[in-house]
Structures are given as C-alpha cells and as structure tokens.
C-alpha cells in the first residue's frame, strides 16, 4: 500500500502526518509519497481530513510506521 498526495493548486499545500504531527509542504504541481512499512495488517487504511489551509493524513492501524518520499524518490521523513 502506498499513498501519493499531489498538489494541483498554485499555492503550496501543507500535509500533516499524524499521530507524529510531522509537517510536509508540497510545492504546486508536485507530490509526496507515503509508504508504510513493518507489520501492515489486512484492512489497514489512511484517513484524510481536509481543512481550509492544510490536510491531515493518519494511518489507522496499531504500530503504524510510515516513510515520506519526495517526488524525486528521496526519503524526507
């Protein structure tokens, strides 16, 4: 399971990865990719919440571990 968050807007997009509260700014027309690792149970999923100035993403399984990568494939978290 991987998750790509693309910013189709003309302004930067703030993405907050919970429960760690890590903040990632996605440039206009760019994306980040979230890749969970470790023990990922069947039925695991992410929850998104869209707010006016940012979005939050929360992995919804116990013991969740998530790496964040830039659009160039570089680990940024």
PDB file of N, CA and C in Angstrom:
ATOM      1  N   UNK A   1       0.856  -1.166   0.000  1.00  0.00           N
ATOM      2  CA  UNK A   1       0.000   0.000   0.000  1.00  0.00           C
ATOM      3  C   UNK A   1       0.905   1.233   0.000  1.00  0.00           C
ATOM      4  N   UNK A   2       0.679   2.117  -0.936  1.00  0.00           N
ATOM      5  CA  UNK A   2       1.356   3.395  -0.997  1.00  0.00           C
ATOM      6  C   UNK A   2       0.319   4.475  -1.224  1.00  0.00           C
ATOM      7  N   UNK A   3       0.679   5.678  -0.858  1.00  0.00           N
ATOM      8  CA  UNK A   3      -0.258   6.783  -0.999  1.00  0.00           C
ATOM      9  C   UNK A   3       0.484   7.972  -1.583  1.00  0.00           C
ATOM     10  N   UNK A   4      -0.026   8.516  -2.680  1.00  0.00           N
ATOM     11  CA  UNK A   4       0.564   9.698  -3.302  1.00  0.00           C
ATOM     12  C   UNK A   4      -0.377  10.871  -3.084  1.00  0.00           C
ATOM     13  N   UNK A   5       0.192  11.973  -2.602  1.00  0.00           N
ATOM     14  CA  UNK A   5      -0.579  13.199  -2.386  1.00  0.00           C
ATOM     15  C   UNK A   5      -0.028  14.238  -3.343  1.00  0.00           C
ATOM     16  N   UNK A   6      -0.845  14.629  -4.314  1.00  0.00           N
ATOM     17  CA  UNK A   6      -0.434  15.592  -5.326  1.00  0.00           C
ATOM     18  C   UNK A   6      -1.102  16.931  -5.063  1.00  0.00           C
ATOM     19  N   UNK A   7      -0.315  17.985  -5.265  1.00  0.00           N
ATOM     20  CA  UNK A   7      -0.828  19.340  -5.097  1.00  0.00           C
ATOM     21  C   UNK A   7      -1.092  19.932  -6.472  1.00  0.00           C
ATOM     22  N   UNK A   8      -2.336  19.999  -6.869  1.00  0.00           N
ATOM     23  CA  UNK A   8      -2.723  20.556  -8.166  1.00  0.00           C
ATOM     24  C   UNK A   8      -2.998  22.054  -8.096  1.00  0.00           C
ATOM     25  N   UNK A   9      -2.738  22.668  -6.949  1.00  0.00           N
ATOM     26  CA  UNK A   9      -3.014  24.085  -6.761  1.00  0.00           C
ATOM     27  C   UNK A   9      -1.823  24.947  -7.155  1.00  0.00           C
ATOM     28  N   UNK A  10      -2.046  26.254  -7.163  1.00  0.00           N
ATOM     29  CA  UNK A  10      -0.979  27.208  -7.472  1.00  0.00           C
ATOM     30  C   UNK A  10      -0.219  27.647  -6.233  1.00  0.00           C
ATOM     31  N   UNK A  11      -0.654  27.216  -5.067  1.00  0.00           N
ATOM     32  CA  UNK A  11      -0.002  27.566  -3.805  1.00  0.00           C
ATOM     33  C   UNK A  11       0.495  26.290  -3.126  1.00  0.00           C
ATOM     34  N   UNK A  12       1.509  26.401  -2.268  1.00  0.00           N
ATOM     35  CA  UNK A  12       1.990  25.227  -1.531  1.00  0.00           C
ATOM     36  C   UNK A  12       0.875  24.605  -0.686  1.00  0.00           C
ATOM     37  N   UNK A  13       0.962  23.304  -0.478  1.00  0.00           N
ATOM     38  CA  UNK A  13      -0.014  22.559   0.315  1.00  0.00           C
ATOM     39  C   UNK A  13       0.686  21.983   1.535  1.00  0.00           C
ATOM     40  N   UNK A  14       0.153  22.239   2.714  1.00  0.00           N
ATOM     41  CA  UNK A  14       0.692  21.681   3.943  1.00  0.00           C
ATOM     42  C   UNK A  14       0.008  20.350   4.223  1.00  0.00           C
ATOM     43  N   UNK A  15       0.814  19.300   4.389  1.00  0.00           N
ATOM     44  CA  UNK A  15       0.320  17.969   4.731  1.00  0.00           C
ATOM     45  C   UNK A  15       0.886  17.621   6.100  1.00  0.00           C
ATOM     46  N   UNK A  16       0.015  17.281   7.028  1.00  0.00           N
ATOM     47  CA  UNK A  16       0.439  16.912   8.378  1.00  0.00           C
ATOM     48  C   UNK A  16       0.192  15.426   8.557  1.00  0.00           C
ATOM     49  N   UNK A  17       1.261  14.706   8.880  1.00  0.00           N
ATOM     50  CA  UNK A  17       1.170  13.262   9.095  1.00  0.00           C
ATOM     51  C   UNK A  17       1.016  13.011  10.583  1.00  0.00           C
ATOM     52  N   UNK A  18      -0.133  12.475  10.948  1.00  0.00           N
ATOM     53  CA  UNK A  18      -0.439  12.150  12.343  1.00  0.00           C
ATOM     54  C   UNK A  18      -0.143  10.673  12.595  1.00  0.00           C
ATOM     55  N   UNK A  19       0.075  10.255  13.790  1.00  0.00           N
ATOM     56  CA  UNK A  19      -0.035  10.987  15.044  1.00  0.00           C
ATOM     57  C   UNK A  19       1.257  11.714  15.435  1.00  0.00           C
ATOM     58  N   UNK A  20       2.225  11.775  14.529  1.00  0.00           N
ATOM     59  CA  UNK A  20       3.529  12.365  14.830  1.00  0.00           C
ATOM     60  C   UNK A  20       3.559  13.878  14.628  1.00  0.00           C
ATOM     61  N   UNK A  21       2.550  14.430  13.971  1.00  0.00           N
ATOM     62  CA  UNK A  21       2.456  15.866  13.692  1.00  0.00           C
ATOM     63  C   UNK A  21       3.627  16.367  12.841  1.00  0.00           C
ATOM     64  N   UNK A  22       4.165  15.495  11.977  1.00  0.00           N
ATOM     65  CA  UNK A  22       5.224  15.937  11.064  1.00  0.00           C
ATOM     66  C   UNK A  22       4.581  16.702   9.922  1.00  0.00           C
ATOM     67  N   UNK A  23       5.200  17.813   9.568  1.00  0.00           N
ATOM     68  CA  UNK A  23       4.653  18.693   8.538  1.00  0.00           C
ATOM     69  C   UNK A  23       5.481  18.601   7.264  1.00  0.00           C
ATOM     70  N   UNK A  24       4.799  18.494   6.142  1.00  0.00           N
ATOM     71  CA  UNK A  24       5.438  18.418   4.831  1.00  0.00           C
ATOM     72  C   UNK A  24       4.746  19.421   3.916  1.00  0.00           C
ATOM     73  N   UNK A  25       5.541  20.263   3.283  1.00  0.00           N
ATOM     74  CA  UNK A  25       4.993  21.245   2.355  1.00  0.00           C
ATOM     75  C   UNK A  25       5.196  20.705   0.941  1.00  0.00           C
ATOM     76  N   UNK A  26       4.090  20.582   0.215  1.00  0.00           N
ATOM     77  CA  UNK A  26       4.127  20.085  -1.160  1.00  0.00           C
ATOM     78  C   UNK A  26       4.011  21.295  -2.082  1.00  0.00           C
ATOM     79  N   UNK A  27       5.018  21.472  -2.920  1.00  0.00           N
ATOM     80  CA  UNK A  27       5.028  22.606  -3.850  1.00  0.00           C
ATOM     81  C   UNK A  27       3.909  22.460  -4.876  1.00  0.00           C
ATOM     82  N   UNK A  28       3.510  23.565  -5.491  1.00  0.00           N
ATOM     83  CA  UNK A  28       2.490  23.490  -6.544  1.00  0.00           C
ATOM     84  C   UNK A  28       2.912  22.524  -7.655  1.00  0.00           C
ATOM     85  N   UNK A  29       1.968  21.709  -8.094  1.00  0.00           N
ATOM     86  CA  UNK A  29       2.163  20.737  -9.174  1.00  0.00           C
ATOM     87  C   UNK A  29       3.183  19.656  -8.822  1.00  0.00           C
ATOM     88  N   UNK A  30       3.447  19.446  -7.542  1.00  0.00           N
ATOM     89  CA  UNK A  30       4.381  18.410  -7.094  1.00  0.00           C
ATOM     90  C   UNK A  30       3.623  17.406  -6.227  1.00  0.00           C
ATOM     91  N   UNK A  31       4.312  16.387  -5.738  1.00  0.00           N
ATOM     92  CA  UNK A  31       3.671  15.400  -4.877  1.00  0.00           C
ATOM     93  C   UNK A  31       4.663  14.848  -3.875  1.00  0.00           C
ATOM     94  N   UNK A  32       4.109  14.216  -2.828  1.00  0.00           N
ATOM     95  CA  UNK A  32       4.877  13.386  -1.915  1.00  0.00           C
ATOM     96  C   UNK A  32       4.239  12.007  -1.926  1.00  0.00           C
ATOM     97  N   UNK A  33       5.018  11.027  -1.490  1.00  0.00           N
ATOM     98  CA  UNK A  33       4.506   9.661  -1.450  1.00  0.00           C
ATOM     99  C   UNK A  33       4.711   9.097  -0.051  1.00  0.00           C
ATOM    100  N   UNK A  34       3.661   8.504   0.513  1.00  0.00           N
ATOM    101  CA  UNK A  34       3.727   7.869   1.821  1.00  0.00           C
ATOM    102  C   UNK A  34       3.774   6.363   1.621  1.00  0.00           C
ATOM    103  N   UNK A  35       4.774   5.747   2.238  1.00  0.00           N
ATOM    104  CA  UNK A  35       4.941   4.301   2.122  1.00  0.00           C
ATOM    105  C   UNK A  35       5.019   3.692   3.517  1.00  0.00           C
ATOM    106  N   UNK A  36       3.980   2.986   3.919  1.00  0.00           N
ATOM    107  CA  UNK A  36       4.046   2.316   5.213  1.00  0.00           C
ATOM    108  C   UNK A  36       5.025   1.140   5.151  1.00  0.00           C
ATOM    109  N   UNK A  37       5.577   0.799   6.299  1.00  0.00           N
ATOM    110  CA  UNK A  37       6.485  -0.343   6.369  1.00  0.00           C
ATOM    111  C   UNK A  37       6.279  -1.054   7.703  1.00  0.00           C
ATOM    112  N   UNK A  38       6.874  -2.216   7.827  1.00  0.00           N
ATOM    113  CA  UNK A  38       6.700  -3.006   9.042  1.00  0.00           C
ATOM    114  C   UNK A  38       5.481  -3.899   8.918  1.00  0.00           C
ATOM    115  N   UNK A  39       4.845  -4.151  10.040  1.00  0.00           N
ATOM    116  CA  UNK A  39       3.681  -5.029  10.091  1.00  0.00           C
ATOM    117  C   UNK A  39       2.426  -4.240   9.706  1.00  0.00           C
ATOM    118  N   UNK A  40       1.952  -4.466   8.488  1.00  0.00           N
ATOM    119  CA  UNK A  40       0.758  -3.774   7.998  1.00  0.00           C
ATOM    120  C   UNK A  40      -0.370  -4.804   7.936  1.00  0.00           C
ATOM    121  N   UNK A  41      -1.323  -4.712   8.836  1.00  0.00           N
ATOM    122  CA  UNK A  41      -2.386  -5.720   8.883  1.00  0.00           C
ATOM    123  C   UNK A  41      -3.350  -5.586   7.710  1.00  0.00           C
ATOM    124  N   UNK A  42      -4.038  -6.677   7.408  1.00  0.00           N
ATOM    125  CA  UNK A  42      -5.110  -6.620   6.410  1.00  0.00           C
ATOM    126  C   UNK A  42      -6.153  -5.617   6.884  1.00  0.00           C
ATOM    127  N   UNK A  43      -6.665  -4.862   5.967  1.00  0.00           N
ATOM    128  CA  UNK A  43      -7.677  -3.878   6.313  1.00  0.00           C
ATOM    129  C   UNK A  43      -7.117  -2.550   6.794  1.00  0.00           C
ATOM    130  N   UNK A  44      -5.780  -2.393   6.783  1.00  0.00           N
ATOM    131  CA  UNK A  44      -5.181  -1.118   7.191  1.00  0.00           C
ATOM    132  C   UNK A  44      -5.568  -0.039   6.181  1.00  0.00           C
ATOM    133  N   UNK A  45      -5.730   1.187   6.670  1.00  0.00           N
ATOM    134  CA  UNK A  45      -6.098   2.279   5.766  1.00  0.00           C
ATOM    135  C   UNK A  45      -5.611   3.601   6.341  1.00  0.00           C
ATOM    136  N   UNK A  46      -5.631   4.641   5.501  1.00  0.00           N
ATOM    137  CA  UNK A  46      -5.319   6.001   5.909  1.00  0.00           C
ATOM    138  C   UNK A  46      -6.618   6.801   5.978  1.00  0.00           C
ATOM    139  N   UNK A  47      -6.679   7.729   6.916  1.00  0.00           N
ATOM    140  CA  UNK A  47      -7.784   8.679   6.986  1.00  0.00           C
ATOM    141  C   UNK A  47      -7.253  10.053   6.588  1.00  0.00           C
ATOM    142  N   UNK A  48      -8.017  10.749   5.729  1.00  0.00           N
ATOM    143  CA  UNK A  48      -7.690  12.108   5.304  1.00  0.00           C
ATOM    144  C   UNK A  48      -8.685  13.066   5.913  1.00  0.00           C
ATOM    145  N   UNK A  49      -8.181  14.220   6.321  1.00  0.00           N
ATOM    146  CA  UNK A  49      -9.059  15.306   6.748  1.00  0.00           C
ATOM    147  C   UNK A  49      -8.623  16.553   6.010  1.00  0.00           C
ATOM    148  N   UNK A  50      -9.551  17.154   5.276  1.00  0.00           N
ATOM    149  CA  UNK A  50      -9.249  18.370   4.525  1.00  0.00           C
ATOM    150  C   UNK A  50      -9.693  19.572   5.328  1.00  0.00           C
ATOM    151  N   UNK A  51      -8.763  20.459   5.598  1.00  0.00           N
ATOM    152  CA  UNK A  51      -9.041  21.711   6.295  1.00  0.00           C
ATOM    153  C   UNK A  51      -8.788  22.840   5.300  1.00  0.00           C
ATOM    154  N   UNK A  52      -9.175  24.031   5.612  1.00  0.00           N
ATOM    155  CA  UNK A  52      -9.044  25.121   4.634  1.00  0.00           C
ATOM    156  C   UNK A  52      -7.587  25.408   4.277  1.00  0.00           C
ATOM    157  N   UNK A  53      -6.663  25.239   5.210  1.00  0.00           N
ATOM    158  CA  UNK A  53      -5.265  25.592   4.944  1.00  0.00           C
ATOM    159  C   UNK A  53      -4.323  24.394   4.879  1.00  0.00           C
ATOM    160  N   UNK A  54      -4.796  23.201   5.168  1.00  0.00           N
ATOM    161  CA  UNK A  54      -3.920  22.025   5.197  1.00  0.00           C
ATOM    162  C   UNK A  54      -4.759  20.753   5.157  1.00  0.00           C
ATOM    163  N   UNK A  55      -4.069  19.610   5.009  1.00  0.00           N
ATOM    164  CA  UNK A  55      -4.734  18.316   5.164  1.00  0.00           C
ATOM    165  C   UNK A  55      -3.961  17.507   6.188  1.00  0.00           C
ATOM    166  N   UNK A  56      -4.677  16.631   6.872  1.00  0.00           N
ATOM    167  CA  UNK A  56      -4.019  15.689   7.757  1.00  0.00           C
ATOM    168  C   UNK A  56      -4.219  14.291   7.191  1.00  0.00           C
ATOM    169  N   UNK A  57      -3.211  13.459   7.410  1.00  0.00           N
ATOM    170  CA  UNK A  57      -3.255  12.059   6.992  1.00  0.00           C
ATOM    171  C   UNK A  57      -2.881  11.230   8.217  1.00  0.00           C
ATOM    172  N   UNK A  58      -3.727  10.263   8.541  1.00  0.00           N
ATOM    173  CA  UNK A  58      -3.493   9.421   9.712  1.00  0.00           C
ATOM    174  C   UNK A  58      -3.557   7.954   9.315  1.00  0.00           C
ATOM    175  N   UNK A  59      -2.481   7.182   9.558  1.00  0.00           N
ATOM    176  CA  UNK A  59      -2.576   5.741   9.346  1.00  0.00           C
ATOM    177  C   UNK A  59      -3.430   5.139  10.460  1.00  0.00           C
ATOM    178  N   UNK A  60      -4.375   4.300  10.075  1.00  0.00           N
ATOM    179  CA  UNK A  60      -5.348   3.779  11.037  1.00  0.00           C
ATOM    180  C   UNK A  60      -5.097   2.306  11.371  1.00  0.00           C
ATOM    181  N   UNK A  61      -3.887   2.038  11.920  1.00  0.00           N
ATOM    182  CA  UNK A  61      -3.610   0.707  12.447  1.00  0.00           C
ATOM    183  C   UNK A  61      -2.568   0.842  13.544  1.00  0.00           C
ATOM    184  N   UNK A  62      -2.628  -0.055  14.518  1.00  0.00           N
ATOM    185  CA  UNK A  62      -1.709  -0.029  15.652  1.00  0.00           C
ATOM    186  C   UNK A  62      -0.291  -0.291  15.189  1.00  0.00           C
ATOM    187  N   UNK A  63       0.634   0.485  15.697  1.00  0.00           N
ATOM    188  CA  UNK A  63       2.043   0.297  15.375  1.00  0.00           C
ATOM    189  C   UNK A  63       2.432   0.790  13.997  1.00  0.00           C
ATOM    190  N   UNK A  64       1.643   1.672  13.423  1.00  0.00           N
ATOM    191  CA  UNK A  64       1.900   2.167  12.070  1.00  0.00           C
ATOM    192  C   UNK A  64       3.261   2.860  11.987  1.00  0.00           C
ATOM    193  N   UNK A  65       3.974   2.556  10.899  1.00  0.00           N
ATOM    194  CA  UNK A  65       5.238   3.208  10.571  1.00  0.00           C
ATOM    195  C   UNK A  65       5.139   3.666   9.125  1.00  0.00           C
ATOM    196  N   UNK A  66       5.508   4.926   8.858  1.00  0.00           N
ATOM    197  CA  UNK A  66       5.339   5.485   7.522  1.00  0.00           C
ATOM    198  C   UNK A  66       6.571   6.305   7.154  1.00  0.00           C
ATOM    199  N   UNK A  67       7.130   6.032   5.977  1.00  0.00           N
ATOM    200  CA  UNK A  67       8.179   6.871   5.404  1.00  0.00           C
ATOM    201  C   UNK A  67       7.525   7.818   4.415  1.00  0.00           C
ATOM    202  N   UNK A  68       8.101   9.022   4.291  1.00  0.00           N
ATOM    203  CA  UNK A  68       7.607  10.008   3.332  1.00  0.00           C
ATOM    204  C   UNK A  68       8.725  10.272   2.329  1.00  0.00           C
ATOM    205  N   UNK A  69       8.381  10.235   1.040  1.00  0.00           N
ATOM    206  CA  UNK A  69       9.339  10.439  -0.037  1.00  0.00           C
ATOM    207  C   UNK A  69       8.932  11.618  -0.901  1.00  0.00           C
ATOM    208  N   UNK A  70       9.935  12.334  -1.411  1.00  0.00           N
ATOM    209  CA  UNK A  70       9.678  13.421  -2.358  1.00  0.00           C
ATOM    210  C   UNK A  70       9.348  12.839  -3.718  1.00  0.00           C
ATOM    211  N   UNK A  71       8.968  13.689  -4.640  1.00  0.00           N
ATOM    212  CA  UNK A  71       8.654  13.232  -5.999  1.00  0.00           C
ATOM    213  C   UNK A  71       9.889  12.726  -6.733  1.00  0.00           C
ATOM    214  N   UNK A  72      11.076  13.034  -6.203  1.00  0.00           N
ATOM    215  CA  UNK A  72      12.318  12.521  -6.807  1.00  0.00           C
ATOM    216  C   UNK A  72      12.724  11.177  -6.210  1.00  0.00           C
ATOM    217  N   UNK A  73      11.948  10.701  -5.228  1.00  0.00           N
ATOM    218  CA  UNK A  73      12.244   9.421  -4.609  1.00  0.00           C
ATOM    219  C   UNK A  73      13.128   9.510  -3.374  1.00  0.00           C
ATOM    220  N   UNK A  74      13.464  10.731  -2.943  1.00  0.00           N
ATOM    221  CA  UNK A  74      14.314  10.921  -1.772  1.00  0.00           C
ATOM    222  C   UNK A  74      13.483  10.810  -0.500  1.00  0.00           C
ATOM    223  N   UNK A  75      13.989  10.042   0.463  1.00  0.00           N
ATOM    224  CA  UNK A  75      13.347   9.918   1.773  1.00  0.00           C
ATOM    225  C   UNK A  75      13.419  11.269   2.479  1.00  0.00           C
ATOM    226  N   UNK A  76      12.275  11.807   2.873  1.00  0.00           N
ATOM    227  CA  UNK A  76      12.269  13.107   3.544  1.00  0.00           C
ATOM    228  C   UNK A  76      11.746  13.023   4.958  1.00  0.00           C
ATOM    229  N   UNK A  77      11.435  11.837   5.431  1.00  0.00           N
ATOM    230  CA  UNK A  77      10.972  11.706   6.807  1.00  0.00           C
ATOM    231  C   UNK A  77      11.613  10.501   7.444  1.00  0.00           C
TER     232      UNK A  77
END
